[in-house]
Amino acid sequence: MGLFSRRSVTATPLDGVDAVLADLDGVVYAGAGALPHAVDNLLRAADGRALGYITNNASRTDASVAQHLSDLGLATRAQDVVTSPQAAMRLLSTLIAPGSVVMVVGGEGLIVEVEKAGFTVTRSADDAPAAVVQGFSPDVGWTHLAEAAFALKVPEEDGGIPWIATNTDWTIPQSRGVAPGNGTLVSAVHTAIGRLATVAGKPETPIFEEAVARFGAQHPIFLGDRLDTDILGANRADIASALVLTGIDRPKHVLAAPAGSQPDFILADLRQLHEPYPEVQVSGDVTTVRGASVRVDGADIHILSEGAEQIDLLRAGAAAIWATGRAIFGFRVPERLYADPFHRP
């Protein structure tokens, strides 16, 4: 994957797309409220295309997520929402016997999927669970993490039970700001027992493959706000990707993105789904996007022209840095290149 690899200068990111797949936290909403420009532009994107959602957040059921989206003005059915607990159950069914007892560290969204898959839920290590499944819930506390540690004290290679994490997102956008995500809770158990969880959601591919199959997509695009889960996962699944700067990752993260986590499109917000996406022009060591130009000179990045919009300067800087194949810490980058006037939760 790479910037502008699929489109011409006059095309929008949606040209040729038959399914729009969107992350939720940081793309559609932050907390209960919709992000600016998200609802109207997703509705517009859905004209003639499938619209579905892929979420690593395991705290709610697909039905409750669908109701939340519908309340925001996006008419959504439960089957339009692909969740990391669903991906976890597909994985778990290959590891333990049907009807087994499964210890759940998480909320309703995870419990419902475990029960739908035919397993019996427990919260206690004393019930000899066949596996531990861990997902985000704001109600997870020390007692839950301790029970997981007790159940997982024997390493899997020594006969211990499987441990599946729905996701390992370090953070989650909320209306008041950025809060710790499931990755921090999984890390707490890992620190206690020295084991690593198997991850079912993004950036692993099964959750994307399920979404593509569910919507019958031939040419989907995935909209995300995180490079390390959303964009990396879409790239692994060979799905076109767009990073929208309304959530977790900021311009400085974009400039530093490693090869596997570089999006096809960088958007200030979802209005730009419908705007012609500018072409990158390279002349010698100068990279230009519309009126914004940068030059790579050894370890220095020089801004030759800022252009009319900060997003174009970021696009030019990212394209120039990514094309070198070098890590960001090998450059001296002017602060203006990663200025951040974009909306964030």
Protein backbone atom coordinates (compact mmCIF):
# COMPACT_ATOMS: atom_id res chain seq x y z
CA MET A 1 0.00 0.00 0.00
CA GLY A 2 1.04 3.58 -0.50
CA LEU A 3 -0.31 7.06 -0.81
CA PHE A 4 -2.33 7.69 -3.98
CA SER A 5 -1.43 4.28 -5.40
CA ARG A 6 -4.90 3.61 -6.75
CA ARG A 7 -6.36 6.93 -7.83
CA SER A 8 -5.82 9.77 -10.26
CA VAL A 9 -5.72 13.46 -9.35
CA THR A 10 -9.42 13.93 -10.23
CA ALA A 11 -10.72 10.90 -8.31
CA THR A 12 -12.08 10.86 -4.78
CA PRO A 13 -11.17 8.14 -2.28
CA LEU A 14 -14.60 6.59 -2.92
CA ASP A 15 -14.29 6.18 -6.68
CA GLY A 16 -14.62 2.51 -7.62
CA VAL A 17 -15.47 1.52 -4.03
CA ASP A 18 -18.42 -0.82 -3.44
CA ALA A 19 -18.28 -1.02 0.37
CA VAL A 20 -17.28 1.50 3.01
CA LEU A 21 -16.09 -0.16 6.22
CA ALA A 22 -15.56 2.19 9.14
CA ASP A 23 -14.04 1.98 12.56
CA LEU A 24 -16.22 3.55 15.24
CA ASP A 25 -14.33 5.19 18.13
CA GLY A 26 -12.49 8.19 16.72
CA VAL A 27 -14.06 7.90 13.27
CA VAL A 28 -17.83 8.00 13.78
CA TYR A 29 -18.05 9.05 17.41
CA ALA A 30 -16.10 9.83 20.57
CA GLY A 31 -18.07 8.65 23.56
CA ALA A 32 -21.81 9.03 22.96
CA GLY A 33 -21.69 11.90 20.49
CA ALA A 34 -20.98 11.86 16.78
CA LEU A 35 -17.81 13.50 15.54
CA PRO A 36 -18.18 16.59 13.34
CA HIS A 37 -19.09 15.79 9.72
CA ALA A 38 -19.14 12.01 10.32
CA VAL A 39 -22.85 11.18 10.02
CA ASP A 40 -23.69 13.30 6.98
CA ASN A 41 -20.69 12.13 5.03
CA LEU A 42 -21.14 8.45 5.85
CA LEU A 43 -24.75 8.70 4.71
CA ARG A 44 -23.54 10.30 1.50
CA ALA A 45 -20.90 7.58 1.09
CA ALA A 46 -23.56 4.89 1.50
CA ASP A 47 -25.40 6.05 -1.63
CA GLY A 48 -24.93 3.08 -3.96
CA ARG A 49 -22.47 1.35 -1.61
CA ALA A 50 -22.61 -0.99 1.36
CA LEU A 51 -21.83 0.66 4.69
CA GLY A 52 -20.54 -1.44 7.57
CA TYR A 53 -18.56 -1.04 10.73
CA ILE A 54 -15.58 -2.91 12.20
CA THR A 55 -14.83 -2.30 15.85
CA ASN A 56 -12.27 -3.57 18.33
CA ASN A 57 -14.35 -2.27 21.24
CA ALA A 58 -15.70 -5.35 22.99
CA SER A 59 -17.75 -3.58 25.64
CA ARG A 60 -21.08 -3.59 23.75
CA THR A 61 -23.10 -5.98 21.63
CA ASP A 62 -23.49 -5.55 17.88
CA ALA A 63 -27.17 -4.75 18.51
CA SER A 64 -26.38 -1.99 21.02
CA VAL A 65 -23.77 -0.50 18.68
CA ALA A 66 -26.31 -0.57 15.86
CA GLN A 67 -28.85 1.20 18.05
CA HIS A 68 -26.28 3.86 19.00
CA LEU A 69 -25.50 4.47 15.34
CA SER A 70 -29.18 4.60 14.47
CA ASP A 71 -29.77 7.14 17.24
CA LEU A 72 -27.04 9.29 15.67
CA GLY A 73 -28.85 9.17 12.32
CA LEU A 74 -27.09 6.20 10.70
CA ALA A 75 -29.76 3.54 10.23
CA THR A 76 -27.85 0.37 11.14
CA ARG A 77 -28.69 -3.30 11.70
CA ALA A 78 -26.80 -5.57 14.08
CA GLN A 79 -25.43 -7.53 11.11
CA ASP A 80 -23.85 -4.33 9.80
CA VAL A 81 -21.48 -4.32 12.80
CA VAL A 82 -18.48 -6.68 12.88
CA THR A 83 -16.96 -6.87 16.37
CA SER A 84 -13.74 -8.20 17.83
CA PRO A 85 -15.66 -10.55 20.17
CA GLN A 86 -17.15 -12.19 17.08
CA ALA A 87 -13.63 -12.64 15.70
CA ALA A 88 -12.53 -14.01 19.08
CA MET A 89 -15.29 -16.63 19.04
CA ARG A 90 -14.31 -17.82 15.57
CA LEU A 91 -10.79 -18.27 16.84
CA LEU A 92 -11.81 -19.84 20.15
CA SER A 93 -13.99 -22.45 18.44
CA THR A 94 -10.85 -23.86 16.81
CA LEU A 95 -9.05 -24.20 20.16
CA ILE A 96 -11.50 -25.69 22.69
CA ALA A 97 -14.39 -28.14 22.71
CA PRO A 98 -17.98 -26.99 22.09
CA GLY A 99 -19.82 -26.06 25.27
CA SER A 100 -16.64 -25.51 27.29
CA VAL A 101 -16.47 -23.16 30.27
CA VAL A 102 -14.83 -19.87 29.26
CA MET A 103 -13.64 -17.22 31.67
CA VAL A 104 -14.66 -13.73 30.49
CA VAL A 105 -12.80 -10.58 31.44
CA GLY A 106 -14.94 -7.88 29.87
CA GLY A 107 -18.47 -6.60 29.45
CA GLU A 108 -21.81 -7.45 27.92
CA GLY A 109 -20.57 -7.34 24.34
CA LEU A 110 -18.13 -10.16 25.04
CA ILE A 111 -20.44 -12.19 27.29
CA VAL A 112 -23.21 -12.21 24.68
CA GLU A 113 -20.88 -13.47 21.94
CA VAL A 114 -19.42 -16.19 24.20
CA GLU A 115 -22.93 -17.42 24.99
CA LYS A 116 -24.06 -17.19 21.37
CA ALA A 117 -21.10 -19.41 20.45
CA GLY A 118 -22.41 -22.07 22.84
CA PHE A 119 -19.86 -21.68 25.62
CA THR A 120 -20.56 -21.32 29.35
CA VAL A 121 -19.42 -18.08 30.99
CA THR A 122 -17.57 -17.87 34.28
CA ARG A 123 -15.80 -15.04 36.08
CA SER A 124 -13.80 -17.30 38.41
CA ALA A 125 -10.59 -19.26 37.92
CA ASP A 126 -11.95 -21.76 40.47
CA ASP A 127 -14.39 -23.05 37.81
CA ALA A 128 -11.49 -24.55 35.80
CA PRO A 129 -12.18 -22.64 32.57
CA ALA A 130 -10.97 -24.07 29.26
CA ALA A 131 -9.87 -20.61 28.08
CA VAL A 132 -9.75 -16.95 29.07
CA VAL A 133 -11.18 -14.30 26.73
CA GLN A 134 -10.43 -10.67 27.54
CA GLY A 135 -12.06 -7.58 26.08
CA PHE A 136 -12.53 -3.95 27.03
CA SER A 137 -15.13 -2.82 29.52
CA PRO A 138 -15.01 0.29 31.69
CA ASP A 139 -16.07 -1.92 34.60
CA VAL A 140 -13.03 -4.23 34.47
CA GLY A 141 -11.09 -3.91 37.71
CA TRP A 142 -8.34 -5.49 39.74
CA THR A 143 -10.44 -8.47 40.81
CA HIS A 144 -11.18 -9.44 37.20
CA LEU A 145 -7.54 -9.09 36.17
CA ALA A 146 -6.41 -11.11 39.17
CA GLU A 147 -8.82 -13.96 38.32
CA ALA A 148 -7.42 -13.99 34.79
CA ALA A 149 -3.89 -14.20 36.16
CA PHE A 150 -4.87 -17.11 38.42
CA ALA A 151 -6.46 -18.99 35.49
CA LEU A 152 -3.47 -18.37 33.23
CA LYS A 153 -0.67 -19.10 35.69
CA VAL A 154 0.46 -22.20 33.76
CA PRO A 155 2.13 -21.36 30.41
CA GLU A 156 0.27 -22.69 27.38
CA GLU A 157 3.31 -24.68 26.24
CA ASP A 158 3.22 -26.47 29.60
CA GLY A 159 -0.43 -27.39 29.29
CA GLY A 160 -2.01 -24.09 30.26
CA ILE A 161 -5.26 -22.87 28.77
CA PRO A 162 -5.56 -20.47 25.79
CA TRP A 163 -5.78 -16.71 26.38
CA ILE A 164 -7.47 -14.64 23.68
CA ALA A 165 -7.66 -10.85 23.70
CA THR A 166 -10.29 -9.24 21.52
CA ASN A 167 -7.80 -6.45 20.84
CA THR A 168 -4.79 -4.68 22.29
CA ASP A 169 -5.60 -1.03 21.53
CA TRP A 170 -3.65 1.00 24.09
CA THR A 171 -6.15 3.84 24.12
CA ILE A 172 -9.80 4.58 23.42
CA PRO A 173 -11.25 8.00 22.48
CA GLN A 174 -13.89 9.33 24.86
CA SER A 175 -15.87 12.56 24.94
CA ARG A 176 -13.59 13.90 27.73
CA GLY A 177 -10.35 12.86 26.01
CA VAL A 178 -8.24 9.76 25.44
CA ALA A 179 -8.53 6.94 27.99
CA PRO A 180 -6.71 3.63 28.54
CA GLY A 181 -7.91 0.87 26.22
CA ASN A 182 -7.95 -2.93 26.38
CA GLY A 183 -4.25 -3.15 25.60
CA THR A 184 -3.41 -1.59 28.95
CA LEU A 185 -5.57 -4.15 30.77
CA VAL A 186 -4.14 -7.06 28.79
CA SER A 187 -0.67 -5.74 29.56
CA ALA A 188 -1.44 -5.78 33.29
CA VAL A 189 -2.20 -9.52 33.14
CA HIS A 190 0.84 -10.13 30.93
CA THR A 191 3.05 -8.33 33.44
CA ALA A 192 1.72 -10.52 36.23
CA ILE A 193 2.09 -13.91 34.51
CA GLY A 194 4.65 -13.41 31.74
CA ARG A 195 2.36 -14.76 29.00
CA LEU A 196 1.22 -13.16 25.75
CA ALA A 197 -2.38 -13.22 24.57
CA THR A 198 -3.49 -14.26 21.10
CA VAL A 199 -5.21 -11.27 19.48
CA ALA A 200 -8.44 -11.77 17.52
CA GLY A 201 -9.31 -8.25 16.35
CA LYS A 202 -7.48 -5.57 14.41
CA PRO A 203 -4.72 -5.57 13.20
CA GLU A 204 -5.20 -9.29 12.59
CA THR A 205 -6.96 -10.15 9.32
CA PRO A 206 -9.92 -12.40 10.33
CA ILE A 207 -12.09 -9.48 11.42
CA PHE A 208 -11.52 -7.76 8.03
CA GLU A 209 -12.10 -10.98 6.12
CA GLU A 210 -15.39 -11.49 7.94
CA ALA A 211 -16.50 -7.97 7.02
CA VAL A 212 -15.58 -8.36 3.35
CA ALA A 213 -17.45 -11.66 3.16
CA ARG A 214 -20.47 -10.36 5.06
CA PHE A 215 -20.94 -7.41 2.70
CA GLY A 216 -19.87 -9.22 -0.48
CA ALA A 217 -17.32 -6.48 -1.15
CA GLN A 218 -15.04 -6.59 -4.16
CA HIS A 219 -13.45 -3.14 -3.75
CA PRO A 220 -13.87 -1.98 -0.14
CA ILE A 221 -12.21 0.89 1.66
CA PHE A 222 -11.60 0.95 5.40
CA LEU A 223 -11.74 4.17 7.43
CA GLY A 224 -9.73 4.26 10.64
CA ASP A 225 -8.05 6.59 13.11
CA ARG A 226 -5.20 4.33 14.26
CA LEU A 227 -2.17 3.35 12.24
CA ASP A 228 -1.15 0.39 14.40
CA THR A 229 -4.52 -1.40 14.29
CA ASP A 230 -6.82 0.07 11.63
CA ILE A 231 -4.37 0.83 8.85
CA LEU A 232 -1.98 -2.05 9.54
CA GLY A 233 -4.91 -4.48 9.60
CA ALA A 234 -6.43 -3.14 6.38
CA ASN A 235 -3.06 -3.34 4.65
CA ARG A 236 -2.59 -6.93 5.83
CA ALA A 237 -6.02 -7.77 4.45
CA ASP A 238 -5.24 -5.97 1.16
CA ILE A 239 -8.01 -3.43 1.64
CA ALA A 240 -7.63 0.22 0.61
CA SER A 241 -7.35 2.40 3.71
CA ALA A 242 -7.93 5.97 4.78
CA LEU A 243 -6.66 7.49 8.02
CA VAL A 244 -8.95 10.20 9.36
CA LEU A 245 -7.43 12.69 11.81
CA THR A 246 -10.43 12.85 14.15
CA GLY A 247 -9.25 10.21 16.61
CA ILE A 248 -6.10 8.83 18.18
CA ASP A 249 -3.22 9.19 15.72
CA ARG A 250 -1.94 12.65 14.95
CA PRO A 251 0.18 14.19 12.15
CA LYS A 252 3.47 13.31 13.89
CA HIS A 253 2.38 9.67 13.97
CA VAL A 254 1.56 9.82 10.26
CA LEU A 255 5.04 11.06 9.39
CA ALA A 256 6.54 8.25 11.48
CA ALA A 257 4.34 5.45 10.07
CA PRO A 258 6.34 2.33 9.13
CA ALA A 259 5.78 0.73 5.75
CA GLY A 260 3.04 -1.68 6.87
CA SER A 261 0.99 1.05 8.52
CA GLN A 262 0.94 3.69 5.78
CA PRO A 263 -2.57 4.52 4.53
CA ASP A 264 -3.64 5.09 0.95
CA PHE A 265 -5.38 8.32 1.97
CA ILE A 266 -4.93 10.88 4.74
CA LEU A 267 -8.12 12.80 5.56
CA ALA A 268 -8.66 15.74 7.90
CA ASP A 269 -12.26 14.55 8.39
CA LEU A 270 -14.84 12.54 6.49
CA ARG A 271 -15.85 15.42 4.22
CA GLN A 272 -12.70 14.68 2.25
CA LEU A 273 -14.05 11.27 1.23
CA HIS A 274 -16.01 13.17 -1.41
CA GLU A 275 -13.30 15.58 -2.54
CA PRO A 276 -10.81 14.98 -5.36
CA TYR A 277 -7.71 13.51 -3.79
CA PRO A 278 -4.54 15.32 -4.87
CA GLU A 279 -1.72 13.63 -6.71
CA VAL A 280 1.79 13.46 -5.33
CA GLN A 281 4.30 14.98 -7.72
CA VAL A 282 7.98 14.19 -7.33
CA SER A 283 10.72 16.12 -9.07
CA GLY A 284 14.20 15.14 -7.96
CA ASP A 285 14.27 15.51 -4.19
CA VAL A 286 11.15 17.73 -4.07
CA THR A 287 7.72 16.30 -3.27
CA THR A 288 4.63 18.41 -3.96
CA VAL A 289 0.94 18.00 -3.15
CA ARG A 290 -1.03 20.83 -4.70
CA GLY A 291 0.69 23.99 -3.39
CA ALA A 292 2.62 22.28 -0.59
CA SER A 293 6.24 21.23 -1.28
CA VAL A 294 8.95 19.63 0.82
CA ARG A 295 12.53 18.60 0.08
CA VAL A 296 14.56 15.84 1.66
CA ASP A 297 18.18 16.87 2.11
CA GLY A 298 20.04 14.11 3.90
CA ALA A 299 18.75 14.17 7.46
CA ASP A 300 16.86 17.44 6.99
CA ILE A 301 13.29 17.97 5.80
CA HIS A 302 12.81 21.44 4.34
CA ILE A 303 9.43 23.05 3.74
CA LEU A 304 9.63 24.90 0.41
CA SER A 305 5.97 25.91 0.32
CA GLU A 306 3.23 25.40 2.92
CA GLY A 307 0.40 25.53 0.41
CA ALA A 308 -3.15 26.58 1.20
CA GLU A 309 -4.12 23.68 3.50
CA GLN A 310 -2.23 21.99 6.32
CA ILE A 311 -3.50 18.58 5.22
CA ASP A 312 -1.66 18.92 1.90
CA LEU A 313 1.58 19.82 3.67
CA LEU A 314 1.18 16.72 5.82
CA ARG A 315 0.48 14.58 2.76
CA ALA A 316 3.57 15.93 1.01
CA GLY A 317 5.76 15.42 4.05
CA ALA A 318 4.50 11.89 4.59
CA ALA A 319 4.99 10.92 0.96
CA ALA A 320 8.54 12.32 0.96
CA ILE A 321 9.56 10.61 4.20
CA TRP A 322 7.89 7.30 3.38
CA ALA A 323 9.57 7.18 -0.03
CA THR A 324 13.00 7.16 1.60
CA GLY A 325 12.25 3.96 3.50
CA ARG A 326 14.02 5.46 6.51
CA ALA A 327 12.71 5.71 10.07
CA ILE A 328 11.53 9.10 11.26
CA PHE A 329 14.22 9.37 13.96
CA GLY A 330 16.77 9.64 11.15
CA PHE A 331 15.41 13.06 10.16
CA ARG A 332 15.27 16.57 11.52
CA VAL A 333 11.64 17.54 10.94
CA PRO A 334 10.37 21.12 11.25
CA GLU A 335 7.48 21.45 13.70
CA ARG A 336 5.35 23.17 11.07
CA LEU A 337 5.21 19.90 9.13
CA TYR A 338 3.33 18.14 11.92
CA ALA A 339 1.20 21.07 13.10
CA ASP A 340 -2.15 19.76 14.32
CA PRO A 341 -5.14 22.02 13.67
CA PHE A 342 -7.36 18.98 13.07
CA HIS A 343 -10.29 18.00 15.27
CA ARG A 344 -9.59 15.43 17.96
CA PRO A 345 -11.70 14.10 20.82
